[in-house]
Amino acid sequence: MSKKNQIIKQILVLQIIIVIYTFAGVAGKFAAQQELFSLQFLALYGVEIAILGVYAILWQQVIKRIDLSIAYANRAVAIIWSLLWAVVLFNEQVTLTNVIGGIIIIIGTIIVNGEQHE
């Protein structure tokens, strides 16, 4: 496998792990919509904790294989995924400020990932 293909694979795996992380926020948002300490509330927070546990294990594995600076720069893309879930799952509005911030995050991530090729 070429170095470029290996880097692309690493970034894709990293993004999958980051998407898993963002699902914890989704579970928390759904839990917050339930009555405090109801069965649904507790179940959703249990799901959130489980997701965070899976994420923690996967994150530890990914930082063994990817430079920490690259991994953390890509982690910022979680904000983009969270914006997507906010719109798709909760019918929230995305503001111009959200879009500008998202563009800045994407540009920064591309710049940091581009350093891998040097």
Protein backbone atom coordinates (compact mmCIF):
# COMPACT_ATOMS: atom_id res chain seq x y z
CA MET A 1 0.00 0.00 0.00
CA SER A 2 1.40 3.40 -0.95
CA LYS A 3 2.05 6.00 1.73
CA LYS A 4 -0.72 8.22 0.34
CA ASN A 5 -3.25 5.36 0.48
CA GLN A 6 -2.14 4.51 4.00
CA ILE A 7 -2.65 8.13 5.11
CA ILE A 8 -6.11 8.24 3.52
CA LYS A 9 -7.03 5.00 5.29
CA GLN A 10 -5.83 6.39 8.62
CA ILE A 11 -7.85 9.59 8.17
CA LEU A 12 -10.99 7.60 7.25
CA VAL A 13 -10.63 5.35 10.30
CA LEU A 14 -10.06 8.42 12.44
CA GLN A 15 -13.22 10.06 11.07
CA ILE A 16 -15.27 6.93 11.79
CA ILE A 17 -14.04 7.02 15.39
CA ILE A 18 -14.88 10.73 15.60
CA VAL A 19 -18.40 10.06 14.28
CA ILE A 20 -18.82 7.44 17.02
CA TYR A 21 -17.75 10.09 19.55
CA THR A 22 -20.37 12.54 18.26
CA PHE A 23 -23.12 9.96 18.81
CA ALA A 24 -22.47 10.34 22.55
CA GLY A 25 -23.59 13.96 22.25
CA VAL A 26 -26.66 12.87 20.32
CA ALA A 27 -27.57 10.37 23.04
CA GLY A 28 -27.06 13.10 25.66
CA LYS A 29 -29.32 15.50 23.76
CA PHE A 30 -32.04 12.84 23.51
CA ALA A 31 -31.61 12.11 27.23
CA ALA A 32 -31.96 15.80 28.07
CA GLN A 33 -35.38 15.75 26.40
CA GLN A 34 -36.64 13.10 28.85
CA GLU A 35 -37.97 13.51 32.35
CA LEU A 36 -35.13 13.61 34.86
CA PHE A 37 -34.26 10.11 36.17
CA SER A 38 -36.99 8.43 34.11
CA LEU A 39 -36.20 5.03 32.60
CA GLN A 40 -35.68 6.64 29.17
CA PHE A 41 -33.38 9.26 30.68
CA LEU A 42 -31.26 6.64 32.45
CA ALA A 43 -31.18 4.35 29.40
CA LEU A 44 -30.04 7.15 27.10
CA TYR A 45 -27.34 8.26 29.52
CA GLY A 46 -26.27 4.62 29.75
CA VAL A 47 -26.00 4.59 25.96
CA GLU A 48 -23.97 7.81 26.09
CA ILE A 49 -21.55 6.31 28.61
CA ALA A 50 -21.24 3.12 26.56
CA ILE A 51 -20.48 5.11 23.41
CA LEU A 52 -17.83 7.11 25.26
CA GLY A 53 -16.30 3.85 26.50
CA VAL A 54 -16.09 2.44 22.98
CA TYR A 55 -14.70 5.74 21.73
CA ALA A 56 -12.02 5.80 24.45
CA ILE A 57 -10.79 2.34 23.50
CA LEU A 58 -10.77 3.14 19.77
CA TRP A 59 -9.08 6.50 20.39
CA GLN A 60 -6.28 4.82 22.33
CA GLN A 61 -5.72 2.45 19.43
CA VAL A 62 -5.69 5.19 16.80
CA ILE A 63 -3.20 7.41 18.62
CA LYS A 64 -0.79 4.47 18.66
CA ARG A 65 -0.71 4.64 14.86
CA ILE A 66 -1.20 8.32 14.05
CA ASP A 67 0.76 11.33 15.25
CA LEU A 68 -1.06 12.90 18.18
CA SER A 69 -1.04 16.33 16.55
CA ILE A 70 -2.73 14.92 13.45
CA ALA A 71 -5.29 12.97 15.49
CA TYR A 72 -6.27 15.99 17.58
CA ALA A 73 -6.47 18.27 14.55
CA ASN A 74 -8.90 15.81 12.96
CA ARG A 75 -10.88 15.55 16.18
CA ALA A 76 -11.98 19.14 15.63
CA VAL A 77 -14.10 17.86 12.74
CA ALA A 78 -16.45 16.49 15.43
CA ILE A 79 -17.98 19.96 15.43
CA ILE A 80 -18.93 19.52 11.78
CA TRP A 81 -20.50 16.12 12.48
CA SER A 82 -22.35 17.61 15.46
CA LEU A 83 -23.76 20.38 13.27
CA LEU A 84 -24.98 17.75 10.84
CA TRP A 85 -26.69 15.75 13.61
CA ALA A 86 -28.24 18.96 15.00
CA VAL A 87 -29.90 19.65 11.66
CA VAL A 88 -30.82 16.08 10.69
CA LEU A 89 -31.92 14.72 14.06
CA PHE A 90 -33.09 17.79 15.98
CA ASN A 91 -34.21 20.19 13.21
CA GLU A 92 -31.93 22.91 14.57
CA GLN A 93 -30.84 25.83 12.42
CA VAL A 94 -27.27 26.31 11.25
CA THR A 95 -26.18 29.95 11.36
CA LEU A 96 -23.71 31.76 9.14
CA THR A 97 -21.31 31.79 12.09
CA ASN A 98 -21.60 27.98 12.31
CA VAL A 99 -20.80 27.68 8.60
CA ILE A 100 -17.81 30.04 8.81
CA GLY A 101 -16.49 28.16 11.85
CA GLY A 102 -16.94 24.86 10.05
CA ILE A 103 -15.02 26.12 7.03
CA ILE A 104 -12.18 27.28 9.27
CA ILE A 105 -12.06 23.86 10.95
CA ILE A 106 -11.98 22.05 7.61
CA ILE A 107 -9.22 24.31 6.26
CA GLY A 108 -7.18 23.84 9.43
CA THR A 109 -7.61 20.07 9.30
CA ILE A 110 -6.54 19.98 5.64
CA ILE A 111 -3.46 22.06 6.45
CA VAL A 112 -2.45 19.79 9.35
CA ASN A 113 -3.12 16.62 7.34
CA GLY A 114 -1.13 18.05 4.45
CA GLU A 115 1.93 18.13 6.70
CA GLN A 116 1.95 14.32 6.61
CA HIS A 117 3.05 14.44 2.97
CA GLU A 118 6.16 16.47 3.70
